[in-house]
Amino acid sequence: MAVWCAGCAAPLVKLPAGPGTPASDAADALTDAIAACRAVSTLSAEVGVGGSVGGRRVRGSLLVGVAPPASARIEAVAPAGQPIFIFVANGDDATLLLPRDNRVLLHGRPDAVLEAVAGPPLDAVELRETLTGCVLPAGGATGRQLGGDWRVVSVGSTDVYLHRNAQLARWQGLERVGVGSVELIPVAAPDHPLALAGRNMPGAGREHIQLVLTDRSTLTQGQDFGVIGTQTWRLADLGSKHTLLKEGIGWGYMPEPMVREELEKKQLVRLDMPECNGASIRLHAIYQTDTPPGPAVSWLIGRFVAQAVGKSTVVNQLPKLLSHDRSNRSADAR
């Protein structure tokens, strides 16, 4: 699955599934895909932001600049007066200046400091890669082939999806960033036979209508995922599936957050299915390497990442970082 910020963006990209086969041309495909973006040496952007810090409403602009190998500068410009903060990172060392409070944080870890003031837990290199959409392999790249026009190249902990452009006869890179997951659980109405049975025997789901969400594209044509029932109703959207389940028609898998309220009100019941009691589906933000998201979408992706790993809010973390810095400076003074 993918999370995509719409607007003037390109249509949602559907990634192929399956283990694939080893691809000997993975490194060459990646080199071709990043030929344009790897030439980017420096990047600057302006981002409009709004929110609250320490209970105070704040609106302003972020002036962002990145440069290789690992340098970044972010200045939070207020509508009037001094900047809210100035963040500077070089390698593994970061400095945060709060001009309005006349305070400074020295020698912080870049990803932790940036997370505290802006949300995304990114260091200078990761920030540059996110803004430019260009992942540069430090060594050899390994990959696998999915059909004739897809390659998945592993670069460190990042999987880069490459798709061959039929018109240009070249590879286009697709960056994939994990932004969380959602749990799918089997549910039905309280009076459904599978709900009344409590713990079901293996194969019980085959005897009842299973509501299945269908993929409108051709990428998964002829493939079924999590389909147990021999009698299926295939639906094109979760809303219709949700409504039918509440009306007692069939059973099926639903995202747990979407049915949480009905479960609490006993309008739906989580089923005990021996074949599969639930599954975690990873969510990803996906974009083409040579047309990366702008600063605003990059910030949003970073926010999703921070939420996915359960990080604390900006208000909670900033005082802690500054307090730690004050303690270090006091110790140095002694």
Foldseek 3Di string as FASTA:
>chain_A
DADEDDDPDDDDDDDFDDPFAWDPCQQVQLCQQCVPLVPDFKDWDKAWDWDDAPNHTFTFIWIWMAGPDFWIWIWTCGPDDHTQWIWIDDPQWIKIAGVVVRAIFGRHGQQLVCCLPQNFSDGRNRVVCQAQVRDDAPDDWIWGDDPDFWIWIDRPPWTWIWGQDPVVRGIWIKGKDWLAKFKKFKKAFCPAPQNVVAADDALPLQVAEEEAEDDPDCSQPPHDDPDRHPHYDYDPDVVVVVVCRLVGHHMYIDGCVVCVVCCVVRSMDGGNHVVDRMDMGIYIHMDISNDHDHPVVSSVSSNSNSVNVPHDHSNVSPVVSSVVRVVVVVVVVD
